[in-house]
C-alpha atoms as a PDB file:
ATOM      1  CA  UNK A   1     -26.770  13.000   3.759  1.00  0.00           C
ATOM      2  CA  UNK A   2     -24.023  13.332   1.135  1.00  0.00           C
ATOM      3  CA  UNK A   3     -23.851  11.649  -2.237  1.00  0.00           C
ATOM      4  CA  UNK A   4     -21.894  11.855  -5.453  1.00  0.00           C
ATOM      5  CA  UNK A   5     -23.918  11.097  -8.531  1.00  0.00           C
ATOM      6  CA  UNK A   6     -22.521   9.895 -11.837  1.00  0.00           C
ATOM      7  CA  UNK A   7     -21.630  12.797 -14.098  1.00  0.00           C
ATOM      8  CA  UNK A   8     -20.681  15.239 -11.321  1.00  0.00           C
ATOM      9  CA  UNK A   9     -18.039  17.798 -12.226  1.00  0.00           C
ATOM     10  CA  UNK A  10     -14.661  17.730 -10.551  1.00  0.00           C
ATOM     11  CA  UNK A  11     -15.527  20.983  -8.779  1.00  0.00           C
ATOM     12  CA  UNK A  12     -18.884  19.805  -7.431  1.00  0.00           C
ATOM     13  CA  UNK A  13     -17.379  16.501  -6.315  1.00  0.00           C
ATOM     14  CA  UNK A  14     -14.621  18.415  -4.531  1.00  0.00           C
ATOM     15  CA  UNK A  15     -17.191  20.526  -2.694  1.00  0.00           C
ATOM     16  CA  UNK A  16     -19.059  17.407  -1.573  1.00  0.00           C
ATOM     17  CA  UNK A  17     -15.860  15.719  -0.401  1.00  0.00           C
ATOM     18  CA  UNK A  18     -14.836  18.851   1.514  1.00  0.00           C
ATOM     19  CA  UNK A  19     -18.143  18.741   3.430  1.00  0.00           C
ATOM     20  CA  UNK A  20     -18.125  14.960   4.020  1.00  0.00           C
ATOM     21  CA  UNK A  21     -15.983  14.915   7.220  1.00  0.00           C
ATOM     22  CA  UNK A  22     -18.171  17.595   8.820  1.00  0.00           C
ATOM     23  CA  UNK A  23     -21.350  15.729   7.899  1.00  0.00           C
ATOM     24  CA  UNK A  24     -19.989  12.453   9.273  1.00  0.00           C
ATOM     25  CA  UNK A  25     -18.803  14.148  12.473  1.00  0.00           C
ATOM     26  CA  UNK A  26     -22.262  15.685  13.027  1.00  0.00           C
ATOM     27  CA  UNK A  27     -23.862  12.283  12.439  1.00  0.00           C
ATOM     28  CA  UNK A  28     -21.478  10.617  14.910  1.00  0.00           C
ATOM     29  CA  UNK A  29     -22.231  13.279  17.510  1.00  0.00           C
ATOM     30  CA  UNK A  30     -25.973  12.864  16.978  1.00  0.00           C
ATOM     31  CA  UNK A  31     -25.744   9.119  17.591  1.00  0.00           C
ATOM     32  CA  UNK A  32     -23.133   9.273  20.350  1.00  0.00           C
ATOM     33  CA  UNK A  33     -20.455   7.579  18.261  1.00  0.00           C
ATOM     34  CA  UNK A  34     -16.738   8.315  18.146  1.00  0.00           C
ATOM     35  CA  UNK A  35     -15.333   9.962  15.028  1.00  0.00           C
ATOM     36  CA  UNK A  36     -11.853  10.016  13.499  1.00  0.00           C
ATOM     37  CA  UNK A  37     -11.171  12.249  10.495  1.00  0.00           C
ATOM     38  CA  UNK A  38      -8.777  10.151   8.434  1.00  0.00           C
ATOM     39  CA  UNK A  39      -8.745  12.922   5.841  1.00  0.00           C
ATOM     40  CA  UNK A  40      -6.557  14.936   8.217  1.00  0.00           C
ATOM     41  CA  UNK A  41      -3.899  12.207   8.388  1.00  0.00           C
ATOM     42  CA  UNK A  42      -2.124  12.956   5.065  1.00  0.00           C
ATOM     43  CA  UNK A  43      -2.302   9.342   3.869  1.00  0.00           C
ATOM     44  CA  UNK A  44      -0.100   8.533   0.849  1.00  0.00           C
ATOM     45  CA  UNK A  45      -2.173   7.663  -2.208  1.00  0.00           C
ATOM     46  CA  UNK A  46      -1.508   5.353  -5.136  1.00  0.00           C
ATOM     47  CA  UNK A  47      -0.979   6.529  -8.724  1.00  0.00           C
ATOM     48  CA  UNK A  48      -4.723   7.083  -9.233  1.00  0.00           C
ATOM     49  CA  UNK A  49      -4.925   9.678  -6.466  1.00  0.00           C
ATOM     50  CA  UNK A  50      -7.873   7.890  -4.856  1.00  0.00           C
ATOM     51  CA  UNK A  51      -6.740   4.647  -3.266  1.00  0.00           C
ATOM     52  CA  UNK A  52      -4.128   4.265  -0.527  1.00  0.00           C
ATOM     53  CA  UNK A  53      -0.626   3.257  -1.543  1.00  0.00           C
ATOM     54  CA  UNK A  54       1.100   0.436   0.333  1.00  0.00           C
ATOM     55  CA  UNK A  55       2.698   3.025   2.643  1.00  0.00           C
ATOM     56  CA  UNK A  56      -0.687   4.737   2.946  1.00  0.00           C
ATOM     57  CA  UNK A  57      -2.287   1.534   4.215  1.00  0.00           C
ATOM     58  CA  UNK A  58       0.433   1.193   6.860  1.00  0.00           C
ATOM     59  CA  UNK A  59       0.000   4.816   7.900  1.00  0.00           C
ATOM     60  CA  UNK A  60      -3.791   4.464   8.092  1.00  0.00           C
ATOM     61  CA  UNK A  61      -3.440   1.308  10.204  1.00  0.00           C
ATOM     62  CA  UNK A  62      -1.041   3.048  12.603  1.00  0.00           C
ATOM     63  CA  UNK A  63      -3.368   6.036  12.984  1.00  0.00           C
ATOM     64  CA  UNK A  64      -6.388   3.794  13.544  1.00  0.00           C
ATOM     65  CA  UNK A  65      -4.472   1.770  16.141  1.00  0.00           C
ATOM     66  CA  UNK A  66      -3.813   5.021  18.027  1.00  0.00           C
ATOM     67  CA  UNK A  67      -7.481   6.051  17.773  1.00  0.00           C
ATOM     68  CA  UNK A  68      -8.714   2.661  18.943  1.00  0.00           C
ATOM     69  CA  UNK A  69      -6.215   2.538  21.803  1.00  0.00           C
ATOM     70  CA  UNK A  70      -7.585   5.867  22.985  1.00  0.00           C
ATOM     71  CA  UNK A  71     -11.117   4.480  23.202  1.00  0.00           C
ATOM     72  CA  UNK A  72     -10.442   2.003  25.985  1.00  0.00           C
END
């Protein structure tokens, strides 16, 4: 589906990551699963720009709680 190999350039990795939510959404639709695009939630990241900060974890949890509450 989508993969990032060792040695990818920043640009090619960015292109892959831009397509990832669409690929996951199509996969969820194909299998009848729900999908939430956490990339659209503007989650605060830590100093490395990859991992969630402490506030980012709280924000992610709050968003997921809303998503899960909407499933029942």
